[in-house]
N, C-alpha and C. Protein backbone atom coordinates (compact mmCIF):
# COMPACT_ATOMS: atom_id res chain seq x y z
N MET A 1 101.27 67.34 1.41
CA MET A 1 101.86 67.97 2.60
C MET A 1 102.60 66.91 3.39
N SER A 2 103.80 67.19 3.70
CA SER A 2 104.63 66.20 4.40
C SER A 2 104.94 66.67 5.81
N PHE A 3 105.06 65.75 6.67
CA PHE A 3 105.39 66.04 8.06
C PHE A 3 106.78 65.51 8.37
N LYS A 4 107.52 66.36 9.05
CA LYS A 4 108.87 65.93 9.45
C LYS A 4 108.79 65.20 10.77
N GLU A 5 109.57 64.23 10.87
CA GLU A 5 109.59 63.44 12.11
C GLU A 5 110.19 64.28 13.24
N PHE A 6 109.47 64.28 14.39
CA PHE A 6 109.93 65.08 15.53
C PHE A 6 111.09 64.37 16.20
N SER A 7 112.12 65.14 16.43
CA SER A 7 113.31 64.57 17.08
C SER A 7 113.50 65.24 18.42
N PRO A 8 113.72 64.49 19.48
CA PRO A 8 113.89 65.09 20.81
C PRO A 8 115.12 65.96 20.85
N PRO A 9 115.15 66.99 21.73
CA PRO A 9 116.31 67.85 21.81
C PRO A 9 117.50 67.10 22.36
N SER A 10 118.62 67.66 22.08
CA SER A 10 119.86 67.04 22.54
C SER A 10 119.99 67.19 24.05
N ARG A 11 120.93 66.49 24.64
CA ARG A 11 121.12 66.51 26.09
C ARG A 11 121.48 67.90 26.60
N PRO A 12 122.38 68.66 25.98
CA PRO A 12 122.65 70.02 26.49
C PRO A 12 121.43 70.93 26.41
N MET A 13 120.68 70.85 25.31
CA MET A 13 119.49 71.67 25.19
C MET A 13 118.43 71.27 26.21
N ARG A 14 118.34 70.00 26.51
CA ARG A 14 117.38 69.53 27.50
C ARG A 14 117.72 70.07 28.88
N ALA A 15 119.00 70.12 29.21
CA ALA A 15 119.41 70.66 30.51
C ALA A 15 119.08 72.14 30.62
N ILE A 16 119.29 72.89 29.52
CA ILE A 16 118.97 74.32 29.54
C ILE A 16 117.47 74.53 29.68
N TRP A 17 116.71 73.70 28.99
CA TRP A 17 115.26 73.83 29.06
C TRP A 17 114.72 73.52 30.46
N LEU A 18 115.24 72.49 31.10
CA LEU A 18 114.83 72.14 32.47
C LEU A 18 115.21 73.23 33.46
N ALA A 19 116.37 73.84 33.26
CA ALA A 19 116.79 74.93 34.15
C ALA A 19 115.87 76.13 34.01
N GLY A 20 115.42 76.43 32.78
CA GLY A 20 114.51 77.54 32.58
C GLY A 20 113.16 77.29 33.22
N VAL A 21 112.64 76.05 33.09
CA VAL A 21 111.37 75.71 33.72
C VAL A 21 111.46 75.81 35.24
N ALA A 22 112.56 75.34 35.80
CA ALA A 22 112.74 75.41 37.26
C ALA A 22 112.80 76.85 37.74
N ALA A 23 113.44 77.71 36.97
CA ALA A 23 113.51 79.12 37.36
C ALA A 23 112.14 79.77 37.35
N MET A 24 111.34 79.44 36.31
CA MET A 24 109.99 80.00 36.25
C MET A 24 109.13 79.51 37.40
N LEU A 25 109.23 78.24 37.77
CA LEU A 25 108.45 77.71 38.87
C LEU A 25 108.88 78.33 40.20
N THR A 26 110.16 78.56 40.36
CA THR A 26 110.66 79.20 41.59
C THR A 26 110.13 80.62 41.71
N ALA A 27 110.10 81.34 40.60
CA ALA A 27 109.58 82.71 40.62
C ALA A 27 108.11 82.73 40.97
N CYS A 28 107.36 81.75 40.48
CA CYS A 28 105.94 81.71 40.79
C CYS A 28 105.68 81.33 42.25
N ALA A 29 106.61 80.59 42.87
CA ALA A 29 106.41 80.14 44.24
C ALA A 29 106.76 81.20 45.27
N GLN A 30 107.40 82.30 44.89
CA GLN A 30 107.75 83.35 45.85
C GLN A 30 106.49 84.06 46.34
N THR A 31 106.43 84.29 47.67
CA THR A 31 105.29 84.97 48.29
C THR A 31 105.79 86.18 49.07
N ASP A 32 104.88 87.07 49.31
CA ASP A 32 105.22 88.27 50.07
C ASP A 32 105.40 87.90 51.53
N SER A 33 106.42 88.46 52.20
CA SER A 33 106.72 88.13 53.59
C SER A 33 105.85 88.89 54.57
N ILE A 34 105.03 89.84 54.11
CA ILE A 34 104.18 90.62 54.99
C ILE A 34 102.88 89.86 55.23
N HIS A 35 102.58 89.62 56.50
CA HIS A 35 101.35 88.92 56.87
C HIS A 35 100.32 89.94 57.33
N VAL A 36 99.08 89.68 57.00
CA VAL A 36 98.01 90.63 57.34
C VAL A 36 97.84 90.70 58.85
N GLY A 37 97.96 89.56 59.53
CA GLY A 37 97.74 89.55 60.97
C GLY A 37 98.96 89.90 61.79
N ALA A 38 100.04 90.34 61.16
CA ALA A 38 101.25 90.65 61.90
C ALA A 38 101.12 91.94 62.70
N ILE A 39 100.30 92.87 62.25
CA ILE A 39 100.11 94.13 62.94
C ILE A 39 99.05 93.94 64.02
N PRO A 40 99.38 94.16 65.32
CA PRO A 40 98.39 93.92 66.38
C PRO A 40 97.24 94.90 66.30
N ASP A 41 96.03 94.38 66.45
CA ASP A 41 94.83 95.21 66.39
C ASP A 41 93.94 94.95 67.59
N ASP A 42 94.48 94.33 68.64
CA ASP A 42 93.72 94.01 69.83
C ASP A 42 94.18 94.94 70.95
N TYR A 43 93.23 95.55 71.65
CA TYR A 43 93.61 96.48 72.73
C TYR A 43 94.33 95.76 73.86
N ARG A 44 94.09 94.46 74.03
CA ARG A 44 94.80 93.71 75.06
C ARG A 44 96.26 93.48 74.68
N THR A 45 96.54 93.48 73.38
CA THR A 45 97.92 93.37 72.92
C THR A 45 98.61 94.72 72.89
N ASN A 46 97.88 95.76 72.47
CA ASN A 46 98.47 97.10 72.41
C ASN A 46 98.67 97.70 73.80
N HIS A 47 97.79 97.37 74.74
CA HIS A 47 97.88 97.92 76.10
C HIS A 47 97.75 96.78 77.10
N PRO A 48 98.76 95.93 77.21
CA PRO A 48 98.66 94.78 78.12
C PRO A 48 98.77 95.20 79.58
N ILE A 49 98.12 94.44 80.44
CA ILE A 49 98.21 94.65 81.89
C ILE A 49 99.37 93.82 82.42
N VAL A 50 100.29 94.47 83.09
CA VAL A 50 101.47 93.80 83.64
C VAL A 50 101.50 94.01 85.15
N ILE A 51 102.25 93.17 85.83
CA ILE A 51 102.40 93.25 87.28
C ILE A 51 103.81 93.74 87.58
N GLN A 52 103.91 94.84 88.30
CA GLN A 52 105.20 95.41 88.65
C GLN A 52 105.19 95.81 90.12
N GLU A 53 106.39 95.89 90.66
CA GLU A 53 106.55 96.36 92.03
C GLU A 53 106.79 97.86 92.01
N LYS A 54 105.94 98.60 92.71
CA LYS A 54 106.05 100.04 92.75
C LYS A 54 106.05 100.52 94.20
N GLN A 55 106.59 101.70 94.40
CA GLN A 55 106.64 102.29 95.72
C GLN A 55 105.38 103.12 95.97
N GLU A 56 104.65 102.76 97.02
CA GLU A 56 103.53 103.57 97.47
C GLU A 56 104.09 104.67 98.37
N VAL A 57 103.86 105.91 98.01
CA VAL A 57 104.46 107.05 98.73
C VAL A 57 103.37 108.06 99.05
N ILE A 58 103.45 108.62 100.27
CA ILE A 58 102.53 109.68 100.68
C ILE A 58 103.26 110.62 101.62
N ASP A 59 102.99 111.89 101.49
CA ASP A 59 103.53 112.91 102.39
C ASP A 59 102.39 113.42 103.27
N VAL A 60 102.58 113.31 104.58
CA VAL A 60 101.57 113.75 105.55
C VAL A 60 102.06 115.05 106.18
N PRO A 61 101.36 116.15 105.96
CA PRO A 61 101.78 117.43 106.57
C PRO A 61 101.58 117.42 108.08
N VAL A 62 102.50 118.05 108.77
CA VAL A 62 102.46 118.12 110.24
C VAL A 62 102.67 119.57 110.65
N GLY A 63 101.80 120.05 111.53
CA GLY A 63 101.92 121.41 112.04
C GLY A 63 102.98 121.51 113.12
N VAL A 64 103.41 122.73 113.39
CA VAL A 64 104.44 122.94 114.41
C VAL A 64 103.92 122.61 115.80
N ASN A 65 102.67 122.90 116.06
CA ASN A 65 102.10 122.71 117.39
C ASN A 65 101.29 121.42 117.51
N ASP A 66 101.36 120.53 116.53
CA ASP A 66 100.61 119.27 116.63
C ASP A 66 101.23 118.39 117.71
N TYR A 67 100.38 117.90 118.60
CA TYR A 67 100.86 117.02 119.66
C TYR A 67 100.41 115.58 119.42
N ASN A 68 99.16 115.42 119.00
CA ASN A 68 98.63 114.10 118.63
C ASN A 68 98.20 114.12 117.17
N ALA A 69 98.16 112.94 116.57
CA ALA A 69 97.74 112.84 115.17
C ALA A 69 96.28 113.26 115.04
N THR A 70 96.00 114.10 114.08
CA THR A 70 94.64 114.57 113.85
C THR A 70 93.84 113.50 113.11
N SER A 71 92.53 113.73 113.03
CA SER A 71 91.67 112.79 112.31
C SER A 71 92.00 112.77 110.82
N VAL A 72 92.40 113.91 110.29
CA VAL A 72 92.78 113.96 108.87
C VAL A 72 94.05 113.16 108.63
N GLN A 73 95.02 113.28 109.53
CA GLN A 73 96.26 112.52 109.38
C GLN A 73 96.03 111.02 109.53
N ARG A 74 95.19 110.63 110.46
CA ARG A 74 94.90 109.20 110.63
C ARG A 74 94.12 108.64 109.44
N ALA A 75 93.22 109.45 108.89
CA ALA A 75 92.49 109.00 107.71
C ALA A 75 93.43 108.83 106.52
N ALA A 76 94.40 109.75 106.38
CA ALA A 76 95.37 109.62 105.31
C ALA A 76 96.22 108.36 105.48
N LEU A 77 96.60 108.05 106.71
CA LEU A 77 97.38 106.84 106.97
C LEU A 77 96.56 105.59 106.68
N THR A 78 95.29 105.59 107.08
CA THR A 78 94.44 104.42 106.82
C THR A 78 94.27 104.17 105.33
N GLY A 79 94.01 105.23 104.58
CA GLY A 79 93.88 105.06 103.14
C GLY A 79 95.17 104.64 102.48
N PHE A 80 96.28 105.13 102.99
CA PHE A 80 97.58 104.76 102.42
C PHE A 80 97.91 103.30 102.68
N MET A 81 97.56 102.78 103.84
CA MET A 81 97.88 101.39 104.19
C MET A 81 96.82 100.41 103.71
N ALA A 82 95.82 100.87 102.98
CA ALA A 82 94.77 99.96 102.51
C ALA A 82 95.30 98.92 101.55
N ARG A 83 96.34 99.26 100.79
CA ARG A 83 96.91 98.32 99.82
C ARG A 83 98.06 97.50 100.40
N TYR A 84 98.34 97.65 101.66
CA TYR A 84 99.46 96.92 102.26
C TYR A 84 99.12 95.44 102.38
N ASP A 85 100.03 94.59 101.91
CA ASP A 85 99.83 93.15 101.93
C ASP A 85 100.47 92.60 103.21
N THR A 86 99.64 92.19 104.15
CA THR A 86 100.17 91.68 105.41
C THR A 86 100.84 90.32 105.24
N ASP A 87 100.51 89.57 104.19
CA ASP A 87 101.17 88.28 103.95
C ASP A 87 102.60 88.48 103.45
N ALA A 88 102.77 89.39 102.49
CA ALA A 88 104.12 89.68 102.00
C ALA A 88 104.92 90.50 103.01
N ALA A 89 104.25 91.37 103.75
CA ALA A 89 104.84 92.18 104.82
C ALA A 89 106.07 92.94 104.34
N PRO A 90 105.92 93.85 103.36
CA PRO A 90 107.07 94.66 102.96
C PRO A 90 107.43 95.68 104.05
N VAL A 91 108.64 96.21 103.95
CA VAL A 91 109.10 97.18 104.94
C VAL A 91 108.40 98.52 104.71
N VAL A 92 107.87 99.09 105.78
CA VAL A 92 107.26 100.41 105.73
C VAL A 92 108.28 101.41 106.27
N GLN A 93 108.63 102.36 105.46
CA GLN A 93 109.64 103.35 105.83
C GLN A 93 108.97 104.66 106.23
N ILE A 94 109.32 105.15 107.41
CA ILE A 94 108.80 106.42 107.92
C ILE A 94 109.97 107.40 107.96
N LEU A 95 109.91 108.42 107.11
CA LEU A 95 110.94 109.45 107.06
C LEU A 95 110.45 110.67 107.84
N VAL A 96 111.17 111.00 108.89
CA VAL A 96 110.79 112.10 109.78
C VAL A 96 111.74 113.27 109.53
N PRO A 97 111.21 114.48 109.36
CA PRO A 97 112.09 115.63 109.12
C PRO A 97 112.96 115.94 110.35
N TYR A 98 114.17 116.39 110.06
CA TYR A 98 115.12 116.75 111.13
C TYR A 98 115.67 118.14 110.85
N GLY A 99 115.65 118.99 111.87
CA GLY A 99 116.17 120.34 111.73
C GLY A 99 115.14 121.37 111.34
N SER A 100 113.91 120.97 111.09
CA SER A 100 112.86 121.91 110.71
C SER A 100 112.14 122.41 111.95
N ALA A 101 111.27 123.38 111.75
CA ALA A 101 110.55 123.96 112.88
C ALA A 101 109.56 122.98 113.50
N ASN A 102 109.09 122.02 112.73
CA ASN A 102 108.10 121.06 113.23
C ASN A 102 108.73 119.69 113.47
N SER A 103 110.03 119.60 113.64
CA SER A 103 110.69 118.31 113.79
C SER A 103 110.23 117.58 115.06
N ALA A 104 110.03 118.32 116.17
CA ALA A 104 109.58 117.67 117.41
C ALA A 104 108.17 117.12 117.25
N ALA A 105 107.27 117.91 116.64
CA ALA A 105 105.90 117.44 116.42
C ALA A 105 105.88 116.27 115.44
N ALA A 106 106.71 116.33 114.42
CA ALA A 106 106.75 115.24 113.45
C ALA A 106 107.24 113.94 114.08
N ALA A 107 108.19 114.02 115.00
CA ALA A 107 108.68 112.82 115.68
C ALA A 107 107.57 112.17 116.51
N ARG A 108 106.76 113.00 117.20
CA ARG A 108 105.66 112.45 117.99
C ARG A 108 104.61 111.80 117.09
N ILE A 109 104.24 112.47 116.01
CA ILE A 109 103.22 111.93 115.10
C ILE A 109 103.73 110.65 114.44
N ALA A 110 105.01 110.61 114.08
CA ALA A 110 105.57 109.41 113.45
C ALA A 110 105.52 108.21 114.38
N SER A 111 105.79 108.43 115.68
CA SER A 111 105.69 107.33 116.64
C SER A 111 104.26 106.83 116.75
N GLN A 112 103.29 107.73 116.72
CA GLN A 112 101.89 107.32 116.75
C GLN A 112 101.50 106.57 115.48
N PHE A 113 102.06 106.97 114.35
CA PHE A 113 101.81 106.24 113.10
C PHE A 113 102.33 104.81 113.20
N ALA A 114 103.51 104.65 113.78
CA ALA A 114 104.09 103.32 113.90
C ALA A 114 103.23 102.42 114.78
N VAL A 115 102.69 102.98 115.86
CA VAL A 115 101.82 102.20 116.74
C VAL A 115 100.55 101.78 116.01
N GLN A 116 99.97 102.70 115.25
CA GLN A 116 98.75 102.38 114.50
C GLN A 116 99.02 101.32 113.43
N MET A 117 100.17 101.37 112.79
CA MET A 117 100.51 100.36 111.79
C MET A 117 100.60 98.97 112.43
N ARG A 118 101.22 98.87 113.58
CA ARG A 118 101.35 97.57 114.25
C ARG A 118 99.98 97.03 114.65
N LYS A 119 99.08 97.92 115.06
CA LYS A 119 97.74 97.46 115.41
C LYS A 119 96.98 96.96 114.19
N ASN A 120 97.31 97.47 113.01
CA ASN A 120 96.62 97.06 111.78
C ASN A 120 97.28 95.87 111.09
N GLY A 121 98.23 95.22 111.75
CA GLY A 121 98.78 93.99 111.20
C GLY A 121 100.17 94.08 110.63
N VAL A 122 100.81 95.23 110.68
CA VAL A 122 102.18 95.34 110.18
C VAL A 122 103.13 94.82 111.25
N PRO A 123 103.99 93.85 110.93
CA PRO A 123 104.92 93.35 111.95
C PRO A 123 105.83 94.46 112.49
N GLN A 124 106.21 94.32 113.74
CA GLN A 124 106.99 95.36 114.38
C GLN A 124 108.36 95.54 113.72
N ASN A 125 108.95 94.44 113.28
CA ASN A 125 110.27 94.54 112.66
C ASN A 125 110.22 95.00 111.21
N ARG A 126 109.02 95.28 110.68
CA ARG A 126 108.89 95.75 109.30
C ARG A 126 108.62 97.25 109.22
N VAL A 127 108.64 97.93 110.35
CA VAL A 127 108.47 99.38 110.40
C VAL A 127 109.83 100.00 110.71
N VAL A 128 110.34 100.80 109.77
CA VAL A 128 111.65 101.42 109.91
C VAL A 128 111.46 102.93 109.92
N GLN A 129 111.98 103.56 110.95
CA GLN A 129 111.87 105.01 111.10
C GLN A 129 113.24 105.64 110.91
N GLN A 130 113.32 106.60 109.99
CA GLN A 130 114.57 107.30 109.69
C GLN A 130 114.31 108.80 109.63
N HIS A 131 115.39 109.57 109.58
CA HIS A 131 115.30 111.02 109.53
C HIS A 131 115.91 111.54 108.23
N TYR A 132 115.43 112.68 107.80
CA TYR A 132 116.01 113.36 106.65
C TYR A 132 116.15 114.84 106.99
N GLN A 133 117.17 115.47 106.42
CA GLN A 133 117.45 116.87 106.69
C GLN A 133 116.43 117.76 105.97
N ALA A 134 115.82 118.66 106.71
CA ALA A 134 114.80 119.55 106.17
C ALA A 134 115.20 120.99 106.44
N PRO A 135 114.73 121.95 105.64
CA PRO A 135 115.04 123.37 105.89
C PRO A 135 114.50 123.82 107.25
N ALA A 136 115.22 124.72 107.88
CA ALA A 136 114.85 125.16 109.23
C ALA A 136 113.58 125.99 109.24
N ASP A 137 113.30 126.68 108.15
CA ASP A 137 112.14 127.57 108.12
C ASP A 137 110.93 126.95 107.43
N ALA A 138 110.91 125.65 107.32
CA ALA A 138 109.81 124.98 106.61
C ALA A 138 109.14 123.97 107.52
N ALA A 139 107.84 123.77 107.31
CA ALA A 139 107.08 122.72 108.00
C ALA A 139 107.11 121.48 107.12
N ALA A 140 108.14 120.67 107.26
CA ALA A 140 108.35 119.52 106.39
C ALA A 140 107.38 118.40 106.75
N PRO A 141 106.94 117.61 105.77
CA PRO A 141 105.98 116.54 106.05
C PRO A 141 106.69 115.25 106.45
N ILE A 142 105.89 114.31 106.94
CA ILE A 142 106.34 112.94 107.18
C ILE A 142 106.08 112.14 105.91
N ARG A 143 107.12 111.48 105.42
CA ARG A 143 106.96 110.69 104.19
C ARG A 143 106.90 109.20 104.55
N LEU A 144 105.84 108.56 104.07
CA LEU A 144 105.64 107.12 104.26
C LEU A 144 105.77 106.42 102.92
N SER A 145 106.40 105.24 102.93
CA SER A 145 106.57 104.50 101.68
C SER A 145 106.74 103.02 101.97
N TYR A 146 106.27 102.21 101.04
CA TYR A 146 106.49 100.76 101.07
C TYR A 146 106.30 100.21 99.66
N ALA A 147 106.95 99.09 99.39
CA ALA A 147 106.88 98.45 98.08
C ALA A 147 105.61 97.62 97.99
N ASN A 148 104.97 97.67 96.83
CA ASN A 148 103.70 96.98 96.66
C ASN A 148 103.61 96.46 95.23
N MET A 149 103.07 95.24 95.08
CA MET A 149 102.84 94.67 93.76
C MET A 149 101.53 95.23 93.22
N ARG A 150 101.61 95.84 92.05
CA ARG A 150 100.43 96.46 91.46
C ARG A 150 100.27 96.03 90.02
N ALA A 151 99.01 95.93 89.60
CA ALA A 151 98.70 95.66 88.20
C ALA A 151 98.49 96.99 87.50
N GLN A 152 99.15 97.17 86.38
CA GLN A 152 99.03 98.42 85.65
C GLN A 152 99.26 98.15 84.17
N VAL A 153 98.91 99.14 83.36
CA VAL A 153 99.08 99.03 81.91
C VAL A 153 100.50 99.42 81.55
N ALA A 154 101.12 98.63 80.66
CA ALA A 154 102.52 98.87 80.32
C ALA A 154 102.71 100.16 79.54
N SER A 155 101.75 100.54 78.72
CA SER A 155 101.89 101.74 77.89
C SER A 155 101.14 102.90 78.51
N ASN A 156 101.51 104.10 78.09
CA ASN A 156 100.85 105.32 78.55
C ASN A 156 99.68 105.67 77.63
N CYS A 157 98.61 106.13 78.23
CA CYS A 157 97.45 106.53 77.43
C CYS A 157 97.67 107.92 76.85
N GLY A 158 96.84 108.24 75.86
CA GLY A 158 96.93 109.55 75.23
C GLY A 158 97.83 109.61 74.03
N ARG A 159 98.17 108.47 73.45
CA ARG A 159 99.02 108.46 72.25
C ARG A 159 98.13 108.55 71.01
N TRP A 160 98.39 109.57 70.20
CA TRP A 160 97.66 109.76 68.94
C TRP A 160 98.69 109.94 67.82
N PRO A 161 99.31 108.86 67.36
CA PRO A 161 100.38 109.00 66.35
C PRO A 161 99.87 109.34 64.96
N GLU A 162 98.59 109.20 64.71
CA GLU A 162 98.06 109.47 63.38
C GLU A 162 96.65 110.04 63.49
N ASP A 163 96.23 110.62 62.40
CA ASP A 163 94.90 111.23 62.33
C ASP A 163 93.86 110.12 62.15
N MET A 164 92.86 110.10 63.03
CA MET A 164 91.83 109.07 62.94
C MET A 164 91.00 109.22 61.67
N LEU A 165 90.79 110.45 61.20
CA LEU A 165 89.99 110.67 60.00
C LEU A 165 90.71 110.24 58.74
N ALA A 166 92.03 110.11 58.82
CA ALA A 166 92.79 109.73 57.63
C ALA A 166 92.93 108.23 57.47
N ARG A 167 92.38 107.46 58.39
CA ARG A 167 92.50 106.00 58.30
C ARG A 167 91.47 105.45 57.34
N VAL A 168 91.91 104.52 56.52
CA VAL A 168 91.01 103.88 55.56
C VAL A 168 90.77 102.41 55.91
N ASP A 169 91.55 101.86 56.85
CA ASP A 169 91.34 100.47 57.23
C ASP A 169 90.38 100.42 58.42
N ASN A 170 89.85 99.28 58.65
CA ASN A 170 88.86 99.09 59.71
C ASN A 170 89.54 98.50 60.94
N LYS A 171 90.52 99.25 61.47
CA LYS A 171 91.27 98.79 62.62
C LYS A 171 91.19 99.82 63.75
N SER A 172 91.46 99.34 64.95
CA SER A 172 91.41 100.22 66.11
C SER A 172 92.58 101.19 66.10
N TRP A 173 92.35 102.39 66.62
CA TRP A 173 93.43 103.37 66.70
C TRP A 173 94.33 103.04 67.88
N ALA A 174 95.45 103.75 67.96
CA ALA A 174 96.50 103.40 68.93
C ALA A 174 96.03 103.53 70.37
N ASN A 175 95.20 104.50 70.68
CA ASN A 175 94.79 104.75 72.06
C ASN A 175 93.53 103.98 72.45
N PHE A 176 92.99 103.19 71.55
CA PHE A 176 91.74 102.48 71.80
C PHE A 176 91.94 101.45 72.91
N GLY A 177 91.09 101.49 73.93
CA GLY A 177 91.10 100.51 75.01
C GLY A 177 92.09 100.79 76.12
N CYS A 178 92.86 101.86 76.03
CA CYS A 178 93.88 102.13 77.04
C CYS A 178 93.25 102.50 78.39
N SER A 179 92.27 103.39 78.38
CA SER A 179 91.62 103.78 79.64
C SER A 179 90.85 102.61 80.25
N TYR A 180 90.26 101.78 79.41
CA TYR A 180 89.53 100.61 79.92
C TYR A 180 90.49 99.65 80.64
N GLN A 181 91.65 99.41 80.06
CA GLN A 181 92.64 98.53 80.67
C GLN A 181 93.16 99.12 81.98
N ASN A 182 93.35 100.44 82.01
CA ASN A 182 93.81 101.09 83.24
C ASN A 182 92.78 100.97 84.35
N ASN A 183 91.51 101.16 84.03
CA ASN A 183 90.45 101.04 85.03
C ASN A 183 90.33 99.60 85.53
N LEU A 184 90.48 98.65 84.62
CA LEU A 184 90.42 97.24 85.03
C LEU A 184 91.58 96.88 85.95
N ALA A 185 92.78 97.37 85.62
CA ALA A 185 93.95 97.08 86.46
C ALA A 185 93.81 97.71 87.84
N ALA A 186 93.21 98.89 87.92
CA ALA A 186 93.05 99.57 89.21
C ALA A 186 92.06 98.85 90.11
N GLN A 187 91.15 98.05 89.57
CA GLN A 187 90.13 97.38 90.36
C GLN A 187 90.57 95.99 90.83
N ILE A 188 91.73 95.54 90.43
CA ILE A 188 92.20 94.21 90.81
C ILE A 188 92.77 94.27 92.22
N ALA A 189 92.14 93.56 93.14
CA ALA A 189 92.58 93.60 94.54
C ALA A 189 93.87 92.81 94.73
N ASN A 190 93.98 91.66 94.11
CA ASN A 190 95.17 90.83 94.25
C ASN A 190 95.77 90.60 92.87
N PRO A 191 96.87 91.29 92.52
CA PRO A 191 97.44 91.12 91.18
C PRO A 191 97.90 89.69 90.89
N ALA A 192 98.13 88.89 91.92
CA ALA A 192 98.55 87.51 91.70
C ALA A 192 97.47 86.69 91.01
N ASP A 193 96.22 87.14 91.05
CA ASP A 193 95.14 86.42 90.38
C ASP A 193 95.32 86.42 88.86
N LEU A 194 96.08 87.37 88.32
CA LEU A 194 96.34 87.39 86.89
C LEU A 194 97.36 86.36 86.48
N ILE A 195 98.13 85.84 87.43
CA ILE A 195 99.18 84.87 87.12
C ILE A 195 98.69 83.45 87.31
N THR A 196 98.06 83.19 88.42
CA THR A 196 97.60 81.84 88.71
C THR A 196 96.33 81.91 89.54
N PRO A 197 95.41 80.97 89.37
CA PRO A 197 94.17 81.00 90.16
C PRO A 197 94.43 80.61 91.61
N ARG A 198 93.53 81.00 92.47
CA ARG A 198 93.63 80.64 93.87
C ARG A 198 93.13 79.22 94.10
N GLY A 199 93.54 78.64 95.21
CA GLY A 199 93.08 77.30 95.55
C GLY A 199 91.62 77.31 95.99
N ARG A 200 90.98 76.19 95.83
CA ARG A 200 89.57 76.07 96.21
C ARG A 200 89.43 76.00 97.71
N THR A 201 88.38 76.64 98.19
CA THR A 201 88.08 76.58 99.62
C THR A 201 87.28 75.31 99.92
N PRO A 202 87.34 74.82 101.15
CA PRO A 202 86.58 73.60 101.48
C PRO A 202 85.09 73.80 101.29
N ILE A 203 84.42 72.73 100.89
CA ILE A 203 82.98 72.78 100.65
C ILE A 203 82.23 72.69 101.97
N ASP A 204 81.23 73.52 102.11
CA ASP A 204 80.36 73.46 103.29
C ASP A 204 79.30 72.40 103.02
N ALA A 205 79.54 71.19 103.53
CA ALA A 205 78.64 70.07 103.24
C ALA A 205 77.25 70.30 103.81
N GLN A 206 77.16 70.88 105.01
CA GLN A 206 75.86 71.10 105.62
C GLN A 206 75.04 72.11 104.82
N ASN A 207 75.67 73.18 104.40
CA ASN A 207 74.96 74.19 103.60
C ASN A 207 74.52 73.62 102.26
N ARG A 208 75.35 72.75 101.67
CA ARG A 208 74.96 72.13 100.40
C ARG A 208 73.77 71.21 100.59
N SER A 209 73.76 70.45 101.68
CA SER A 209 72.63 69.54 101.93
C SER A 209 71.34 70.33 102.15
N ASN A 210 71.45 71.45 102.87
CA ASN A 210 70.26 72.26 103.09
C ASN A 210 69.74 72.85 101.80
N ALA A 211 70.64 73.31 100.94
CA ALA A 211 70.21 73.88 99.66
C ALA A 211 69.54 72.84 98.78
N LEU A 212 70.08 71.62 98.74
CA LEU A 212 69.48 70.56 97.94
C LEU A 212 68.11 70.16 98.49
N GLU A 213 67.99 70.11 99.82
CA GLU A 213 66.71 69.75 100.42
C GLU A 213 65.65 70.80 100.13
N GLN A 214 66.02 72.08 100.20
CA GLN A 214 65.07 73.14 99.89
C GLN A 214 64.69 73.13 98.41
N TYR A 215 65.63 72.74 97.56
CA TYR A 215 65.32 72.66 96.14
C TYR A 215 64.34 71.52 95.86
N ARG A 216 64.54 70.38 96.56
CA ARG A 216 63.65 69.24 96.33
C ARG A 216 62.25 69.51 96.84
N THR A 217 62.14 70.18 97.96
CA THR A 217 60.82 70.45 98.54
C THR A 217 60.20 71.74 98.02
N ARG A 218 60.88 72.45 97.11
CA ARG A 218 60.40 73.71 96.55
C ARG A 218 60.13 74.73 97.66
N ALA A 219 60.99 74.74 98.67
CA ALA A 219 60.81 75.63 99.80
C ALA A 219 61.53 76.96 99.55
N VAL A 220 61.15 77.94 100.33
CA VAL A 220 61.78 79.26 100.28
C VAL A 220 62.67 79.39 101.51
N THR A 221 63.90 79.79 101.30
CA THR A 221 64.84 79.90 102.40
C THR A 221 64.38 80.97 103.39
N PRO A 222 64.63 80.74 104.68
CA PRO A 222 64.23 81.77 105.67
C PRO A 222 64.92 83.11 105.44
N ALA A 223 66.16 83.08 104.99
CA ALA A 223 66.87 84.34 104.76
C ALA A 223 66.20 85.15 103.64
N PHE A 224 65.77 84.45 102.57
CA PHE A 224 65.09 85.14 101.49
C PHE A 224 63.71 85.60 101.93
N ARG A 225 63.04 84.78 102.76
CA ARG A 225 61.70 85.15 103.22
C ARG A 225 61.75 86.40 104.09
N ASP A 226 62.78 86.51 104.94
CA ASP A 226 62.88 87.67 105.85
C ASP A 226 63.27 88.92 105.09
N ALA A 227 64.07 88.78 104.03
CA ALA A 227 64.52 89.96 103.30
C ALA A 227 63.56 90.38 102.21
N SER A 228 62.60 89.54 101.83
CA SER A 228 61.71 89.83 100.74
C SER A 228 60.56 90.72 101.21
N GLU A 229 60.08 91.54 100.30
CA GLU A 229 58.91 92.38 100.60
C GLU A 229 57.61 91.68 100.26
N LEU A 230 57.68 90.48 99.67
CA LEU A 230 56.46 89.75 99.31
C LEU A 230 56.13 88.74 100.39
N GLU A 231 54.86 88.37 100.47
CA GLU A 231 54.41 87.39 101.43
C GLU A 231 54.13 86.08 100.71
N TYR A 232 54.69 84.99 101.25
CA TYR A 232 54.50 83.68 100.65
C TYR A 232 53.56 82.84 101.51
């Protein structure tokens, strides 16, 4: 049995062979462009809390024979102004009906509203009173409005784009966490806290020294002793 001597391929054949190997390696290196984590599955991403400026608006009904603001009207004004930021001091607009049967009563009540607003910290130059045309046979209300920064969810709740029973993956549905985010946004007193933290308040050195002394002596604070139902 004889063996033939192996001869290397010629230069053109070698170039073709190298090109074929490179093509196969390139094909093996291709990957799918779809990433598993590209689809958001976090309720904080699907329903983010954003800060927007919105108009706080309320209509206060006024009777034809009302001379002074009633307790119901004052309570409505107090609740409406609860979110007013005295530091930002936005303009409060009071729209008084004109030409209606209760226009005279509405003008008196609106002036009383303006006085109450100033007593509650609204600057005098930030209260603007204007009139709007109302039907003659209607008891038109007084409309109050001011701009306010509010935290709210960017998306609307109640979206059900697909059947929950038809899902085979272990991911949250579209509406998951929306009501929770809305409730959390409604409880935020200062929306600016979501952007940046507040500055630290000065330390009460005397109170800290008293607390450390009571801790060292294993004493019970007088405030806790007076409020406790147990005897020490």
